[in-house]
PDB file of N, CA and C in Angstrom:
ATOM      1  N   UNK A   1       0.843  -1.167   0.000  1.00  0.00           N
ATOM      2  CA  UNK A   1       0.000   0.000   0.000  1.00  0.00           C
ATOM      3  C   UNK A   1       0.893   1.237   0.000  1.00  0.00           C
ATOM      4  N   UNK A   2       0.615   2.132  -0.896  1.00  0.00           N
ATOM      5  CA  UNK A   2       1.419   3.340  -1.029  1.00  0.00           C
ATOM      6  C   UNK A   2       0.917   4.396  -0.058  1.00  0.00           C
ATOM      7  N   UNK A   3       1.837   4.914   0.738  1.00  0.00           N
ATOM      8  CA  UNK A   3       1.489   5.943   1.703  1.00  0.00           C
ATOM      9  C   UNK A   3       1.860   7.324   1.201  1.00  0.00           C
ATOM     10  N   UNK A   4       1.618   8.303   2.028  1.00  0.00           N
ATOM     11  CA  UNK A   4       1.889   9.695   1.683  1.00  0.00           C
ATOM     12  C   UNK A   4       3.368   9.927   1.392  1.00  0.00           C
ATOM     13  N   UNK A   5       4.228   9.378   2.233  1.00  0.00           N
ATOM     14  CA  UNK A   5       5.660   9.620   2.081  1.00  0.00           C
ATOM     15  C   UNK A   5       6.229   8.884   0.876  1.00  0.00           C
ATOM     16  N   UNK A   6       5.650   7.756   0.508  1.00  0.00           N
ATOM     17  CA  UNK A   6       6.053   7.078  -0.718  1.00  0.00           C
ATOM     18  C   UNK A   6       5.705   7.935  -1.930  1.00  0.00           C
ATOM     19  N   UNK A   7       4.535   8.538  -1.910  1.00  0.00           N
ATOM     20  CA  UNK A   7       4.132   9.409  -3.010  1.00  0.00           C
ATOM     21  C   UNK A   7       5.038  10.636  -3.101  1.00  0.00           C
ATOM     22  N   UNK A   8       5.398  11.197  -1.964  1.00  0.00           N
ATOM     23  CA  UNK A   8       6.280  12.364  -1.970  1.00  0.00           C
ATOM     24  C   UNK A   8       7.643  11.991  -2.544  1.00  0.00           C
ATOM     25  N   UNK A   9       8.170  10.835  -2.149  1.00  0.00           N
ATOM     26  CA  UNK A   9       9.465  10.396  -2.674  1.00  0.00           C
ATOM     27  C   UNK A   9       9.417  10.190  -4.183  1.00  0.00           C
ATOM     28  N   UNK A  10       8.293   9.774  -4.707  1.00  0.00           N
ATOM     29  CA  UNK A  10       8.148   9.629  -6.157  1.00  0.00           C
ATOM     30  C   UNK A  10       7.941  10.948  -6.862  1.00  0.00           C
ATOM     31  N   UNK A  11       7.264  11.874  -6.198  1.00  0.00           N
ATOM     32  CA  UNK A  11       6.966  13.154  -6.831  1.00  0.00           C
ATOM     33  C   UNK A  11       8.167  14.095  -6.905  1.00  0.00           C
ATOM     34  N   UNK A  12       9.131  13.938  -6.013  1.00  0.00           N
ATOM     35  CA  UNK A  12      10.281  14.849  -5.999  1.00  0.00           C
ATOM     36  C   UNK A  12      11.039  14.800  -7.328  1.00  0.00           C
ATOM     37  N   UNK A  13      11.519  13.637  -7.782  1.00  0.00           N
ATOM     38  CA  UNK A  13      12.217  13.643  -9.073  1.00  0.00           C
ATOM     39  C   UNK A  13      11.283  13.898 -10.249  1.00  0.00           C
ATOM     40  N   UNK A  14      10.037  13.453 -10.117  1.00  0.00           N
ATOM     41  CA  UNK A  14       9.072  13.690 -11.191  1.00  0.00           C
ATOM     42  C   UNK A  14       8.809  15.182 -11.363  1.00  0.00           C
ATOM     43  N   UNK A  15       8.654  15.886 -10.264  1.00  0.00           N
ATOM     44  CA  UNK A  15       8.435  17.334 -10.332  1.00  0.00           C
ATOM     45  C   UNK A  15       9.663  18.047 -10.879  1.00  0.00           C
ATOM     46  N   UNK A  16      10.826  17.641 -10.427  1.00  0.00           N
ATOM     47  CA  UNK A  16      12.053  18.282 -10.877  1.00  0.00           C
ATOM     48  C   UNK A  16      12.259  18.076 -12.372  1.00  0.00           C
ATOM     49  N   UNK A  17      12.129  16.851 -12.838  1.00  0.00           N
ATOM     50  CA  UNK A  17      12.344  16.573 -14.260  1.00  0.00           C
ATOM     51  C   UNK A  17      11.193  17.082 -15.120  1.00  0.00           C
ATOM     52  N   UNK A  18       9.969  16.832 -14.683  1.00  0.00           N
ATOM     53  CA  UNK A  18       8.809  17.208 -15.490  1.00  0.00           C
ATOM     54  C   UNK A  18       8.626  18.701 -15.632  1.00  0.00           C
ATOM     55  N   UNK A  19       8.744  19.414 -14.533  1.00  0.00           N
ATOM     56  CA  UNK A  19       8.560  20.862 -14.586  1.00  0.00           C
ATOM     57  C   UNK A  19       9.718  21.521 -15.323  1.00  0.00           C
ATOM     58  N   UNK A  20      10.931  20.989 -15.131  1.00  0.00           N
ATOM     59  CA  UNK A  20      12.078  21.526 -15.877  1.00  0.00           C
ATOM     60  C   UNK A  20      11.882  21.350 -17.376  1.00  0.00           C
ATOM     61  N   UNK A  21      11.455  20.171 -17.782  1.00  0.00           N
ATOM     62  CA  UNK A  21      11.223  19.916 -19.202  1.00  0.00           C
ATOM     63  C   UNK A  21      10.092  20.780 -19.757  1.00  0.00           C
ATOM     64  N   UNK A  22       9.035  20.949 -18.951  1.00  0.00           N
ATOM     65  CA  UNK A  22       7.916  21.779 -19.401  1.00  0.00           C
ATOM     66  C   UNK A  22       8.337  23.243 -19.563  1.00  0.00           C
ATOM     67  N   UNK A  23       9.086  23.742 -18.607  1.00  0.00           N
ATOM     68  CA  UNK A  23       9.547  25.127 -18.701  1.00  0.00           C
ATOM     69  C   UNK A  23      10.534  25.301 -19.845  1.00  0.00           C
ATOM     70  N   UNK A  24      11.382  24.300 -20.079  1.00  0.00           N
ATOM     71  CA  UNK A  24      12.331  24.362 -21.182  1.00  0.00           C
ATOM     72  C   UNK A  24      11.594  24.346 -22.517  1.00  0.00           C
ATOM     73  N   UNK A  25      10.518  23.545 -22.610  1.00  0.00           N
ATOM     74  CA  UNK A  25       9.752  23.493 -23.858  1.00  0.00           C
ATOM     75  C   UNK A  25       8.973  24.786 -24.095  1.00  0.00           C
ATOM     76  N   UNK A  26       8.734  25.536 -23.030  1.00  0.00           N
ATOM     77  CA  UNK A  26       8.068  26.836 -23.180  1.00  0.00           C
ATOM     78  C   UNK A  26       9.044  27.951 -23.553  1.00  0.00           C
ATOM     79  N   UNK A  27      10.326  27.615 -23.629  1.00  0.00           N
ATOM     80  CA  UNK A  27      11.295  28.594 -24.103  1.00  0.00           C
ATOM     81  C   UNK A  27      12.287  29.094 -23.071  1.00  0.00           C
ATOM     82  N   UNK A  28      12.192  28.641 -21.839  1.00  0.00           N
ATOM     83  CA  UNK A  28      13.164  29.067 -20.835  1.00  0.00           C
ATOM     84  C   UNK A  28      14.453  28.272 -20.984  1.00  0.00           C
ATOM     85  N   UNK A  29      15.552  28.868 -20.604  1.00  0.00           N
ATOM     86  CA  UNK A  29      16.830  28.167 -20.628  1.00  0.00           C
ATOM     87  C   UNK A  29      16.859  27.144 -19.491  1.00  0.00           C
ATOM     88  N   UNK A  30      17.716  26.120 -19.639  1.00  0.00           N
ATOM     89  CA  UNK A  30      17.849  25.110 -18.612  1.00  0.00           C
ATOM     90  C   UNK A  30      18.303  25.724 -17.293  1.00  0.00           C
ATOM     91  N   UNK A  31      19.160  26.744 -17.380  1.00  0.00           N
ATOM     92  CA  UNK A  31      19.681  27.364 -16.159  1.00  0.00           C
ATOM     93  C   UNK A  31      18.600  28.125 -15.399  1.00  0.00           C
ATOM     94  N   UNK A  32      17.493  28.390 -16.032  1.00  0.00           N
ATOM     95  CA  UNK A  32      16.356  29.025 -15.357  1.00  0.00           C
ATOM     96  C   UNK A  32      15.297  27.987 -14.992  1.00  0.00           C
ATOM     97  N   UNK A  33      15.076  27.022 -15.863  1.00  0.00           N
ATOM     98  CA  UNK A  33      14.014  26.035 -15.661  1.00  0.00           C
ATOM     99  C   UNK A  33      14.302  25.119 -14.474  1.00  0.00           C
ATOM    100  N   UNK A  34      15.548  24.695 -14.328  1.00  0.00           N
ATOM    101  CA  UNK A  34      15.880  23.767 -13.250  1.00  0.00           C
ATOM    102  C   UNK A  34      15.722  24.407 -11.869  1.00  0.00           C
ATOM    103  N   UNK A  35      16.239  25.633 -11.631  1.00  0.00           N
ATOM    104  CA  UNK A  35      15.996  26.238 -10.310  1.00  0.00           C
ATOM    105  C   UNK A  35      14.514  26.495 -10.012  1.00  0.00           C
ATOM    106  N   UNK A  36      13.744  26.861 -11.007  1.00  0.00           N
ATOM    107  CA  UNK A  36      12.316  27.075 -10.776  1.00  0.00           C
ATOM    108  C   UNK A  36      11.620  25.760 -10.419  1.00  0.00           C
ATOM    109  N   UNK A  37      11.988  24.691 -11.091  1.00  0.00           N
ATOM    110  CA  UNK A  37      11.396  23.386 -10.779  1.00  0.00           C
ATOM    111  C   UNK A  37      11.861  22.887  -9.416  1.00  0.00           C
ATOM    112  N   UNK A  38      13.072  23.234  -9.033  1.00  0.00           N
ATOM    113  CA  UNK A  38      13.564  22.774  -7.729  1.00  0.00           C
ATOM    114  C   UNK A  38      12.812  23.429  -6.579  1.00  0.00           C
ATOM    115  N   UNK A  39      12.234  24.595  -6.806  1.00  0.00           N
ATOM    116  CA  UNK A  39      11.422  25.232  -5.774  1.00  0.00           C
ATOM    117  C   UNK A  39      10.218  24.348  -5.441  1.00  0.00           C
ATOM    118  N   UNK A  40       9.630  23.751  -6.463  1.00  0.00           N
ATOM    119  CA  UNK A  40       8.495  22.849  -6.236  1.00  0.00           C
ATOM    120  C   UNK A  40       8.956  21.600  -5.489  1.00  0.00           C
ATOM    121  N   UNK A  41      10.110  21.046  -5.877  1.00  0.00           N
ATOM    122  CA  UNK A  41      10.626  19.853  -5.205  1.00  0.00           C
ATOM    123  C   UNK A  41      10.941  20.144  -3.742  1.00  0.00           C
ATOM    124  N   UNK A  42      11.535  21.291  -3.468  1.00  0.00           N
ATOM    125  CA  UNK A  42      11.827  21.671  -2.084  1.00  0.00           C
ATOM    126  C   UNK A  42      10.529  21.904  -1.316  1.00  0.00           C
ATOM    127  N   UNK A  43       9.527  22.436  -1.977  1.00  0.00           N
ATOM    128  CA  UNK A  43       8.223  22.611  -1.339  1.00  0.00           C
ATOM    129  C   UNK A  43       7.601  21.284  -0.936  1.00  0.00           C
ATOM    130  N   UNK A  44       7.739  20.270  -1.785  1.00  0.00           N
ATOM    131  CA  UNK A  44       7.248  18.933  -1.431  1.00  0.00           C
ATOM    132  C   UNK A  44       7.990  18.374  -0.224  1.00  0.00           C
ATOM    133  N   UNK A  45       9.300  18.554  -0.202  1.00  0.00           N
ATOM    134  CA  UNK A  45      10.091  18.078   0.932  1.00  0.00           C
ATOM    135  C   UNK A  45       9.695  18.809   2.206  1.00  0.00           C
ATOM    136  N   UNK A  46       9.545  20.120   2.118  1.00  0.00           N
ATOM    137  CA  UNK A  46       9.153  20.914   3.281  1.00  0.00           C
ATOM    138  C   UNK A  46       7.783  20.528   3.796  1.00  0.00           C
ATOM    139  N   UNK A  47       6.858  20.257   2.889  1.00  0.00           N
ATOM    140  CA  UNK A  47       5.521  19.852   3.312  1.00  0.00           C
ATOM    141  C   UNK A  47       5.576  18.515   4.047  1.00  0.00           C
ATOM    142  N   UNK A  48       6.366  17.598   3.514  1.00  0.00           N
ATOM    143  CA  UNK A  48       6.463  16.282   4.154  1.00  0.00           C
ATOM    144  C   UNK A  48       7.169  16.354   5.501  1.00  0.00           C
ATOM    145  N   UNK A  49       8.089  17.288   5.655  1.00  0.00           N
ATOM    146  CA  UNK A  49       8.837  17.360   6.914  1.00  0.00           C
ATOM    147  C   UNK A  49       8.146  18.187   7.987  1.00  0.00           C
ATOM    148  N   UNK A  50       7.492  19.277   7.589  1.00  0.00           N
ATOM    149  CA  UNK A  50       7.004  20.227   8.585  1.00  0.00           C
ATOM    150  C   UNK A  50       5.483  20.331   8.672  1.00  0.00           C
ATOM    151  N   UNK A  51       4.758  20.061   7.598  1.00  0.00           N
ATOM    152  CA  UNK A  51       3.298  20.155   7.656  1.00  0.00           C
ATOM    153  C   UNK A  51       2.703  18.813   8.065  1.00  0.00           C
ATOM    154  N   UNK A  52       3.102  17.750   7.380  1.00  0.00           N
ATOM    155  CA  UNK A  52       2.673  16.398   7.761  1.00  0.00           C
ATOM    156  C   UNK A  52       3.875  15.681   8.324  1.00  0.00           C
ATOM    157  N   UNK A  53       4.185  15.979   9.554  1.00  0.00           N
ATOM    158  CA  UNK A  53       5.395  15.456  10.174  1.00  0.00           C
ATOM    159  C   UNK A  53       5.317  13.943  10.340  1.00  0.00           C
ATOM    160  N   UNK A  54       6.423  13.265  10.068  1.00  0.00           N
ATOM    161  CA  UNK A  54       6.434  11.820  10.290  1.00  0.00           C
ATOM    162  C   UNK A  54       6.502  11.529  11.789  1.00  0.00           C
ATOM    163  N   UNK A  55       5.499  10.830  12.287  1.00  0.00           N
ATOM    164  CA  UNK A  55       5.399  10.541  13.715  1.00  0.00           C
ATOM    165  C   UNK A  55       5.223   9.049  13.884  1.00  0.00           C
ATOM    166  N   UNK A  56       5.945   8.494  14.824  1.00  0.00           N
ATOM    167  CA  UNK A  56       5.813   7.088  15.138  1.00  0.00           C
ATOM    168  C   UNK A  56       4.527   6.879  15.929  1.00  0.00           C
ATOM    169  N   UNK A  57       3.722   5.920  15.537  1.00  0.00           N
ATOM    170  CA  UNK A  57       2.433   5.683  16.204  1.00  0.00           C
ATOM    171  C   UNK A  57       2.629   5.275  17.657  1.00  0.00           C
ATOM    172  N   UNK A  58       3.688   4.534  17.959  1.00  0.00           N
ATOM    173  CA  UNK A  58       3.930   4.107  19.340  1.00  0.00           C
ATOM    174  C   UNK A  58       4.266   5.295  20.231  1.00  0.00           C
ATOM    175  N   UNK A  59       4.987   6.282  19.713  1.00  0.00           N
ATOM    176  CA  UNK A  59       5.340   7.434  20.544  1.00  0.00           C
ATOM    177  C   UNK A  59       4.112   8.299  20.816  1.00  0.00           C
ATOM    178  N   UNK A  60       3.171   8.343  19.884  1.00  0.00           N
ATOM    179  CA  UNK A  60       1.934   9.092  20.120  1.00  0.00           C
ATOM    180  C   UNK A  60       1.119   8.435  21.229  1.00  0.00           C
ATOM    181  N   UNK A  61       1.038   7.114  21.205  1.00  0.00           N
ATOM    182  CA  UNK A  61       0.270   6.411  22.226  1.00  0.00           C
ATOM    183  C   UNK A  61       0.898   6.582  23.601  1.00  0.00           C
ATOM    184  N   UNK A  62       2.213   6.496  23.694  1.00  0.00           N
ATOM    185  CA  UNK A  62       2.870   6.634  24.989  1.00  0.00           C
ATOM    186  C   UNK A  62       2.756   8.067  25.501  1.00  0.00           C
ATOM    187  N   UNK A  63       2.757   9.038  24.611  1.00  0.00           N
ATOM    188  CA  UNK A  63       2.606  10.429  25.037  1.00  0.00           C
ATOM    189  C   UNK A  63       1.202  10.664  25.597  1.00  0.00           C
ATOM    190  N   UNK A  64       0.220  10.023  25.002  1.00  0.00           N
ATOM    191  CA  UNK A  64      -1.150  10.181  25.504  1.00  0.00           C
ATOM    192  C   UNK A  64      -1.304   9.554  26.884  1.00  0.00           C
ATOM    193  N   UNK A  65      -0.755   8.372  27.068  1.00  0.00           N
ATOM    194  CA  UNK A  65      -0.926   7.700  28.352  1.00  0.00           C
ATOM    195  C   UNK A  65      -0.094   8.370  29.437  1.00  0.00           C
ATOM    196  N   UNK A  66       1.075   8.883  29.112  1.00  0.00           N
ATOM    197  CA  UNK A  66       1.903   9.542  30.111  1.00  0.00           C
ATOM    198  C   UNK A  66       1.291  10.860  30.570  1.00  0.00           C
ATOM    199  N   UNK A  67       0.626  11.569  29.686  1.00  0.00           N
ATOM    200  CA  UNK A  67       0.062  12.851  30.069  1.00  0.00           C
ATOM    201  C   UNK A  67      -1.170  12.722  30.942  1.00  0.00           C
ATOM    202  N   UNK A  68      -1.824  11.551  30.904  1.00  0.00           N
ATOM    203  CA  UNK A  68      -3.032  11.373  31.706  1.00  0.00           C
ATOM    204  C   UNK A  68      -2.765  10.730  33.056  1.00  0.00           C
ATOM    205  N   UNK A  69      -1.551  10.288  33.325  1.00  0.00           N
ATOM    206  CA  UNK A  69      -1.244   9.656  34.597  1.00  0.00           C
ATOM    207  C   UNK A  69      -1.098  10.729  35.681  1.00  0.00           C
ATOM    208  N   UNK A  70      -1.576  10.391  36.843  1.00  0.00           N
ATOM    209  CA  UNK A  70      -1.507  11.297  37.977  1.00  0.00           C
ATOM    210  C   UNK A  70      -0.300  10.938  38.849  1.00  0.00           C
ATOM    211  N   UNK A  71       0.309  11.932  39.452  1.00  0.00           N
ATOM    212  CA  UNK A  71       1.422  11.684  40.350  1.00  0.00           C
ATOM    213  C   UNK A  71       0.875  11.190  41.699  1.00  0.00           C
ATOM    214  N   UNK A  72       1.613  10.309  42.336  1.00  0.00           N
ATOM    215  CA  UNK A  72       1.175   9.778  43.636  1.00  0.00           C
ATOM    216  C   UNK A  72       1.556  10.697  44.766  1.00  0.00           C
TER     217      UNK A  72
END
């Protein structure tokens, strides 16, 4: 089953190559098309790291149970 992070890992090179090729076919030079496409690739990486943060399910469960325990 493909998850969110698998899709992001596939989209990074696809966005970089595809958008660069599209911009180049529209008449931009490679030296302009590649940096513009890399902005999209970096945006995908940033979204995966900071917006949908990778969290271990076990650490979430332990954080919930630890916060509800009362001190003796």
